[in-house]
Amino acid sequence: MKKIISIIIAAALICAALTLVTAAADAVFEFEDREWTVLQGDFWKGEMSKEQHDAYPAERSLYCNIYGQGNAVQTSGLNIAKAGKYSVKLIYVANQGSATIQFYVDNVKIGSPVDFNNNGGWTAAQADLGTVELTDGDHSVKMECTGTTATNYEAFIDKLEFTLVEEAEEGDNITFEFEDRTWTPSGDYWHEDYSNPGLPVPRALYTNLYAAGNYIENGDLTVEKSGKYSVKLVYVANQGSAKIKIYIDGNAVSDEIDFNNNGNWTKTDIGLSDVRLAAGAHTVKVELTGTSSGNTEAIFDKLVLTLLEEDAAPDTEAPDKPVNPVTADGAVAAAAAALAVSACAVIFVSKKRK
């Protein structure tokens, strides 16, 4: 019997070990083979692999130089299949004389800046970047150089691994498409519900608000559950585009967003401020704040709201009805009953005396 129990325990341990070995991240973002948009400063990129150097500890990775503090680059292509909370792990190669880099998803910081310097040769390294709430779909990744503790701003970056910690409940995502809606403008305004083979989204609202301070507003954002929501804007960056600010119910949920990218159409995601919304209809306002490119066009795809914290349902149980001794229905009924009993008693006594 003891032998059988030992075999069962051993088998269970082997299965557990195999599960640990085969467990994989739910989404992997490789840094090489991507086009990066330079947001600030200069950026050089190449590739490093074991094929080039046997001592290199990664199969392939992005070899880059961000050159200086404050310089930043961004790209899209982080594909998430299920909405929810994800833990994030960075896989990279530490090296002598490397940069310190802050990572972002949808312009939201993930973790603390990572120091790529190890004062030695190439070393495989990992960093825990905490957790992030993500909707399903495409997301952007940004790298910002925060400085260097060594002599240069180089970095060897392999990948980000996203592991689902808590899946969002079905129905908790709200998608507000900008096209096919009636917008109320504050001044001059041109728009078109637009589609084009070169557009990186199926359809979008293509607008021109013409002058800083002009805005459009719509009241069709409908929320079924009261609670706290994260908000993501999906738009198309383009050469020669406007600067925009987004409001919900008259409250700003973004800083100024520059839609210009000095290039062709690029699908771009950006995380906005979290908001607490009651169930019902809400307004979305888009305001033109200016332009750094010469014109005031903007191409909007959608807002995606994800429920982070549902408000507790109000107590619907009816309280005990108070009885007012003077005016309450209970008192009146009691008085009427008492009078009826008294009347019956008088009639009974009268009949008995006869």
Protein backbone atom coordinates (compact mmCIF):
# COMPACT_ATOMS: atom_id res chain seq x y z
CA MET A 1 0.00 0.00 0.00
CA LYS A 2 2.81 2.39 0.94
CA LYS A 3 4.47 1.64 -2.39
CA ILE A 4 1.29 2.53 -4.31
CA ILE A 5 0.91 5.80 -2.39
CA SER A 6 4.57 6.66 -3.12
CA ILE A 7 4.03 6.04 -6.83
CA ILE A 8 0.90 8.26 -6.86
CA ILE A 9 2.73 11.09 -5.08
CA ALA A 10 5.70 10.80 -7.45
CA ALA A 11 3.38 10.93 -10.47
CA ALA A 12 1.64 14.01 -9.10
CA LEU A 13 4.98 15.76 -8.57
CA ILE A 14 6.08 14.93 -12.12
CA CYS A 15 2.83 16.32 -13.54
CA ALA A 16 3.24 19.49 -11.52
CA ALA A 17 6.81 19.88 -12.72
CA LEU A 18 5.75 19.38 -16.34
CA THR A 19 3.04 22.01 -15.87
CA LEU A 20 5.63 24.48 -14.59
CA VAL A 21 7.98 23.73 -17.47
CA THR A 22 5.35 24.03 -20.17
CA ALA A 23 3.56 27.10 -18.73
CA ALA A 24 3.88 29.99 -21.17
CA ALA A 25 3.05 33.68 -21.24
CA ASP A 26 -0.35 34.62 -22.65
CA ALA A 27 1.18 37.28 -24.91
CA VAL A 28 4.78 37.85 -26.02
CA PHE A 29 6.02 41.13 -27.51
CA GLU A 30 9.34 40.71 -29.35
CA PHE A 31 11.31 43.94 -29.73
CA GLU A 32 13.17 43.09 -32.95
CA ASP A 33 11.66 43.33 -36.46
CA ARG A 34 9.47 46.34 -35.66
CA GLU A 35 9.17 49.86 -36.98
CA TRP A 36 9.68 52.38 -34.18
CA THR A 37 8.35 55.95 -34.28
CA VAL A 38 10.75 58.46 -32.75
CA LEU A 39 8.83 60.66 -30.31
CA GLN A 40 11.84 62.57 -28.99
CA GLY A 41 15.52 62.79 -29.90
CA ASP A 42 17.57 60.33 -31.97
CA PHE A 43 17.30 56.55 -32.21
CA TRP A 44 19.47 53.91 -33.85
CA LYS A 45 18.49 50.24 -34.08
CA GLY A 46 19.98 46.98 -35.26
CA GLU A 47 19.78 43.33 -34.32
CA MET A 48 21.97 41.01 -32.27
CA SER A 49 21.79 37.19 -32.33
CA LYS A 50 23.65 34.01 -31.45
CA GLU A 51 24.42 33.60 -35.14
CA GLN A 52 26.59 36.72 -34.90
CA HIS A 53 28.14 36.00 -31.49
CA ASP A 54 28.16 32.58 -29.81
CA ALA A 55 28.49 34.20 -26.39
CA TYR A 56 25.31 36.21 -26.82
CA PRO A 57 22.70 34.84 -24.31
CA ALA A 58 19.57 35.45 -26.47
CA GLU A 59 18.60 33.96 -29.82
CA ARG A 60 17.77 37.41 -31.22
CA SER A 61 17.10 40.85 -29.78
CA LEU A 62 16.84 44.53 -30.59
CA TYR A 63 20.19 46.30 -30.33
CA CYS A 64 19.53 50.01 -29.99
CA ASN A 65 20.91 53.35 -28.87
CA ILE A 66 18.52 56.02 -27.54
CA TYR A 67 21.40 58.50 -27.17
CA GLY A 68 20.13 60.71 -24.34
CA GLN A 69 17.88 61.26 -21.35
CA GLY A 70 14.28 62.07 -22.34
CA ASN A 71 14.53 60.49 -25.78
CA ALA A 72 11.64 58.12 -26.54
CA VAL A 73 10.35 55.76 -29.24
CA GLN A 74 7.04 53.96 -29.68
CA THR A 75 5.48 51.18 -31.75
CA SER A 76 2.24 49.21 -31.97
CA GLY A 77 1.69 45.48 -32.31
CA LEU A 78 1.18 44.26 -28.75
CA ASN A 79 -1.75 41.91 -29.39
CA ILE A 80 -3.88 40.91 -26.40
CA ALA A 81 -6.49 38.18 -26.88
CA LYS A 82 -8.34 38.50 -23.56
CA ALA A 83 -9.13 41.64 -21.58
CA GLY A 84 -7.93 41.59 -17.99
CA LYS A 85 -5.06 42.22 -15.59
CA TYR A 86 -1.61 41.02 -16.74
CA SER A 87 1.70 40.62 -14.97
CA VAL A 88 4.58 41.88 -17.11
CA LYS A 89 8.14 40.54 -17.31
CA LEU A 90 10.97 42.06 -19.34
CA ILE A 91 13.59 39.73 -20.85
CA TYR A 92 16.79 41.56 -21.84
CA VAL A 93 20.57 41.37 -22.04
CA ALA A 94 22.56 43.38 -19.52
CA ASN A 95 25.92 44.73 -20.66
CA GLN A 96 28.72 47.08 -19.68
CA GLY A 97 27.93 50.70 -20.45
CA SER A 98 24.17 50.63 -21.06
CA ALA A 99 21.13 52.89 -20.67
CA THR A 100 18.37 53.10 -18.08
CA ILE A 101 14.95 52.75 -19.73
CA GLN A 102 11.34 53.28 -18.62
CA PHE A 103 8.77 51.11 -20.40
CA TYR A 104 5.15 52.04 -21.15
CA VAL A 105 2.06 50.26 -22.50
CA ASP A 106 -0.48 52.65 -24.06
CA ASN A 107 1.53 55.51 -22.51
CA VAL A 108 1.02 54.06 -19.01
CA LYS A 109 4.24 53.39 -17.08
CA ILE A 110 4.88 49.73 -16.27
CA GLY A 111 7.35 49.13 -13.47
CA SER A 112 10.35 51.28 -12.63
CA PRO A 113 13.17 52.26 -15.00
CA VAL A 114 15.40 49.28 -15.83
CA ASP A 115 19.18 49.73 -15.63
CA PHE A 116 20.70 47.70 -18.50
CA ASN A 117 24.26 48.15 -17.17
CA ASN A 118 25.98 45.27 -15.32
CA ASN A 119 29.61 46.48 -15.48
CA GLY A 120 30.58 43.33 -17.37
CA GLY A 121 29.90 41.18 -20.43
CA TRP A 122 26.61 40.08 -21.93
CA THR A 123 24.32 38.55 -19.29
CA ALA A 124 20.78 37.21 -19.66
CA ALA A 125 18.54 39.23 -17.35
CA GLN A 126 14.90 39.67 -16.34
CA ALA A 127 12.88 42.40 -14.65
CA ASP A 128 9.42 42.25 -13.07
CA LEU A 129 7.42 45.26 -14.32
CA GLY A 130 4.33 44.71 -12.17
CA THR A 131 0.78 44.47 -13.54
CA VAL A 132 -1.29 46.36 -16.10
CA GLU A 133 -4.99 46.35 -17.08
CA LEU A 134 -5.42 45.68 -20.81
CA THR A 135 -8.38 45.40 -23.14
CA ASP A 136 -8.38 42.86 -25.95
CA GLY A 137 -6.87 44.12 -29.21
CA ASP A 138 -3.78 46.02 -30.27
CA HIS A 139 -1.69 48.12 -27.85
CA SER A 140 1.37 50.33 -28.11
CA VAL A 141 4.73 49.95 -26.38
CA LYS A 142 6.98 52.90 -25.61
CA MET A 143 10.58 53.14 -24.41
CA GLU A 144 11.92 56.29 -22.77
CA CYS A 145 15.58 56.78 -21.85
CA THR A 146 15.85 58.07 -18.28
CA GLY A 147 19.63 58.25 -18.28
CA THR A 148 22.70 56.04 -17.91
CA THR A 149 24.82 54.85 -15.01
CA ALA A 150 27.65 54.03 -17.37
CA THR A 151 29.18 55.53 -20.51
CA ASN A 152 26.52 55.21 -23.23
CA TYR A 153 22.82 54.72 -23.94
CA GLU A 154 22.83 51.30 -25.60
CA ALA A 155 20.33 48.54 -24.79
CA PHE A 156 19.85 44.92 -25.85
CA ILE A 157 16.13 44.16 -25.49
CA ASP A 158 14.61 40.73 -26.12
CA LYS A 159 10.89 40.69 -25.25
CA LEU A 160 8.03 41.48 -22.88
CA GLU A 161 6.00 38.56 -21.53
CA PHE A 162 2.39 39.17 -20.43
CA THR A 163 0.72 36.60 -18.19
CA LEU A 164 -3.01 36.84 -17.49
CA VAL A 165 -3.61 37.25 -13.76
CA GLU A 166 -7.32 38.09 -13.74
CA GLU A 167 -9.60 37.91 -16.76
CA ALA A 168 -12.13 40.72 -17.20
CA GLU A 169 -15.72 39.58 -16.90
CA GLU A 170 -17.64 39.30 -20.16
CA GLY A 171 -19.58 42.46 -20.88
CA ASP A 172 -17.30 44.70 -18.81
CA ASN A 173 -15.82 46.34 -21.94
CA ILE A 174 -17.64 49.25 -23.58
CA THR A 175 -16.67 50.32 -27.09
CA PHE A 176 -17.61 53.82 -28.23
CA GLU A 177 -17.04 54.11 -31.99
CA PHE A 178 -16.58 57.71 -33.19
CA GLU A 179 -18.11 57.17 -36.64
CA ASP A 180 -21.86 56.85 -37.39
CA ARG A 181 -22.84 59.32 -34.67
CA THR A 182 -24.46 62.74 -34.54
CA TRP A 183 -21.99 65.29 -33.18
CA THR A 184 -22.92 68.75 -31.93
CA PRO A 185 -20.21 71.27 -32.92
CA SER A 186 -19.30 74.48 -31.11
CA GLY A 187 -18.17 76.22 -34.32
CA ASP A 188 -16.84 75.41 -37.77
CA TYR A 189 -16.59 71.68 -38.27
CA TRP A 190 -16.11 69.21 -41.10
CA HIS A 191 -16.31 65.44 -40.77
CA GLU A 192 -16.53 62.24 -42.78
CA ASP A 193 -17.09 58.63 -41.74
CA TYR A 194 -14.04 57.35 -43.56
CA SER A 195 -12.67 54.06 -44.86
CA ASN A 196 -9.70 53.45 -47.13
CA PRO A 197 -7.54 50.39 -47.97
CA GLY A 198 -4.52 52.19 -46.49
CA LEU A 199 -6.28 53.13 -43.26
CA PRO A 200 -5.07 50.89 -40.39
CA VAL A 201 -8.61 50.55 -38.93
CA PRO A 202 -11.79 49.41 -40.77
CA ARG A 203 -13.56 52.80 -40.46
CA ALA A 204 -12.96 56.05 -38.59
CA LEU A 205 -14.24 59.57 -38.02
CA TYR A 206 -12.11 61.95 -40.13
CA THR A 207 -12.52 65.50 -38.78
CA ASN A 208 -11.34 69.08 -39.00
CA LEU A 209 -12.19 71.47 -36.14
CA TYR A 210 -10.28 74.39 -37.75
CA ALA A 211 -9.50 76.55 -34.69
CA ALA A 212 -8.23 75.98 -31.14
CA GLY A 213 -11.10 75.91 -28.67
CA ASN A 214 -13.61 74.42 -31.12
CA TYR A 215 -15.12 71.11 -30.06
CA ILE A 216 -17.70 68.46 -30.91
CA GLU A 217 -19.89 66.63 -28.40
CA ASN A 218 -22.06 63.51 -28.38
CA GLY A 219 -24.27 61.99 -25.65
CA ASP A 220 -24.42 58.35 -26.75
CA LEU A 221 -21.83 56.78 -24.42
CA THR A 222 -23.99 54.26 -22.55
CA VAL A 223 -22.86 52.51 -19.36
CA GLU A 224 -24.76 49.54 -17.93
CA LYS A 225 -22.82 49.08 -14.68
CA SER A 226 -21.93 51.89 -12.28
CA GLY A 227 -18.28 51.83 -11.30
CA LYS A 228 -14.69 52.82 -12.04
CA TYR A 229 -13.53 52.42 -15.67
CA SER A 230 -10.18 52.62 -17.43
CA VAL A 231 -10.36 54.54 -20.72
CA LYS A 232 -8.32 53.95 -23.89
CA LEU A 233 -8.40 56.09 -27.03
CA VAL A 234 -7.67 54.43 -30.37
CA TYR A 235 -6.86 56.91 -33.15
CA VAL A 236 -4.89 57.21 -36.37
CA ALA A 237 -1.75 59.34 -36.17
CA ASN A 238 -0.76 61.05 -39.40
CA GLN A 239 1.51 63.66 -40.91
CA GLY A 240 0.10 67.13 -40.35
CA SER A 241 -2.51 66.47 -37.66
CA ALA A 242 -4.11 68.29 -34.76
CA LYS A 243 -3.64 68.36 -31.02
CA ILE A 244 -6.71 67.07 -29.20
CA LYS A 245 -8.15 66.84 -25.68
CA ILE A 246 -10.85 64.34 -24.65
CA TYR A 247 -13.62 64.90 -22.08
CA ILE A 248 -16.30 62.67 -20.54
CA ASP A 249 -19.26 64.48 -18.94
CA GLY A 250 -17.31 67.73 -19.23
CA ASN A 251 -14.31 66.41 -17.25
CA ALA A 252 -10.95 66.08 -19.00
CA VAL A 253 -9.73 62.47 -19.21
CA SER A 254 -6.58 63.29 -21.18
CA ASP A 255 -3.79 65.79 -21.45
CA GLU A 256 -3.18 67.33 -24.87
CA ILE A 257 -2.68 64.50 -27.42
CA ASP A 258 -0.65 65.29 -30.54
CA PHE A 259 -2.08 63.32 -33.50
CA ASN A 260 0.92 64.24 -35.67
CA ASN A 261 3.59 61.57 -36.31
CA ASN A 262 5.49 63.07 -39.28
CA GLY A 263 4.60 60.05 -41.41
CA ASN A 264 1.84 57.88 -42.81
CA TRP A 265 -1.31 56.66 -41.11
CA THR A 266 -0.46 54.74 -37.92
CA LYS A 267 -2.94 53.09 -35.58
CA THR A 268 -2.16 54.41 -32.11
CA ASP A 269 -3.49 53.50 -28.64
CA ILE A 270 -3.21 55.77 -25.62
CA GLY A 271 -4.43 55.20 -22.08
CA LEU A 272 -6.48 58.06 -20.63
CA SER A 273 -7.48 58.77 -17.03
CA ASP A 274 -9.69 56.35 -15.11
CA VAL A 275 -13.25 57.61 -14.55
CA ARG A 276 -16.11 56.71 -12.25
CA LEU A 277 -19.40 56.54 -14.14
CA ALA A 278 -22.98 55.89 -13.10
CA ALA A 279 -25.18 53.58 -15.16
CA GLY A 280 -26.85 55.50 -17.98
CA ALA A 281 -25.93 57.91 -20.79
CA HIS A 282 -22.80 60.09 -20.77
CA THR A 283 -21.27 62.71 -23.05
CA VAL A 284 -18.01 62.54 -24.99
CA LYS A 285 -16.36 65.78 -26.06
CA VAL A 286 -13.42 66.26 -28.44
CA GLU A 287 -11.68 69.64 -28.28
CA LEU A 288 -9.04 71.05 -30.62
CA THR A 289 -6.21 72.59 -28.57
CA GLY A 290 -3.87 73.49 -31.45
CA THR A 291 -1.44 72.02 -33.95
CA SER A 292 2.31 71.65 -34.29
CA SER A 293 2.12 70.58 -37.93
CA GLY A 294 0.21 73.19 -39.90
CA ASN A 295 -3.33 71.77 -40.06
CA THR A 296 -6.11 70.70 -37.72
CA GLU A 297 -7.24 67.32 -39.02
CA ALA A 298 -7.74 64.32 -36.72
CA ILE A 299 -8.81 60.70 -37.33
CA PHE A 300 -10.66 59.00 -34.44
CA ASP A 301 -11.41 55.28 -34.19
CA LYS A 302 -12.91 54.50 -30.77
CA LEU A 303 -12.88 54.77 -27.00
CA VAL A 304 -12.62 51.49 -25.07
CA LEU A 305 -13.79 51.52 -21.44
CA THR A 306 -13.00 48.58 -19.16
CA LEU A 307 -14.72 48.08 -15.82
CA LEU A 308 -12.11 48.04 -13.05
CA GLU A 309 -14.33 48.24 -9.97
CA GLU A 310 -18.10 47.83 -9.94
CA ASP A 311 -20.06 49.93 -7.45
CA ALA A 312 -21.95 47.97 -4.79
CA ALA A 313 -25.65 47.59 -5.54
CA PRO A 314 -27.89 49.72 -3.30
CA ASP A 315 -29.87 47.95 -0.57
CA THR A 316 -33.31 47.39 -2.11
CA GLU A 317 -34.96 45.74 0.92
CA ALA A 318 -37.89 47.87 2.12
CA PRO A 319 -37.43 49.11 5.69
CA ASP A 320 -40.11 48.55 8.33
CA LYS A 321 -42.84 51.10 7.86
CA PRO A 322 -42.89 53.56 10.77
CA VAL A 323 -46.19 54.15 12.49
CA ASN A 324 -47.16 57.72 13.33
CA PRO A 325 -49.56 57.60 16.28
CA VAL A 326 -51.49 60.55 14.87
CA THR A 327 -51.44 60.32 11.09
CA ALA A 328 -50.05 56.92 10.03
CA ASP A 329 -52.31 54.48 8.25
CA GLY A 330 -51.57 51.90 10.92
CA ALA A 331 -52.80 54.17 13.69
CA VAL A 332 -55.97 55.08 11.78
CA ALA A 333 -56.71 51.43 11.11
CA ALA A 334 -56.09 50.55 14.75
CA ALA A 335 -58.37 53.37 15.90
CA ALA A 336 -61.08 52.27 13.48
CA ALA A 337 -60.80 48.68 14.74
CA ALA A 338 -61.00 49.87 18.35
CA LEU A 339 -64.13 51.89 17.61
CA ALA A 340 -65.73 48.92 15.89
CA VAL A 341 -65.00 46.66 18.88
CA SER A 342 -66.40 49.29 21.27
CA ALA A 343 -69.56 49.65 19.19
CA CYS A 344 -70.08 45.90 19.17
CA ALA A 345 -69.58 45.80 22.93
CA VAL A 346 -72.20 48.55 23.46
CA ILE A 347 -74.74 46.76 21.23
CA PHE A 348 -74.09 43.47 23.04
CA VAL A 349 -74.51 45.04 26.48
CA SER A 350 -77.69 46.88 25.40
CA LYS A 351 -79.24 43.67 24.11
CA LYS A 352 -78.37 41.84 27.33
CA ARG A 353 -80.09 44.50 29.52
CA LYS A 354 -83.35 44.16 27.65
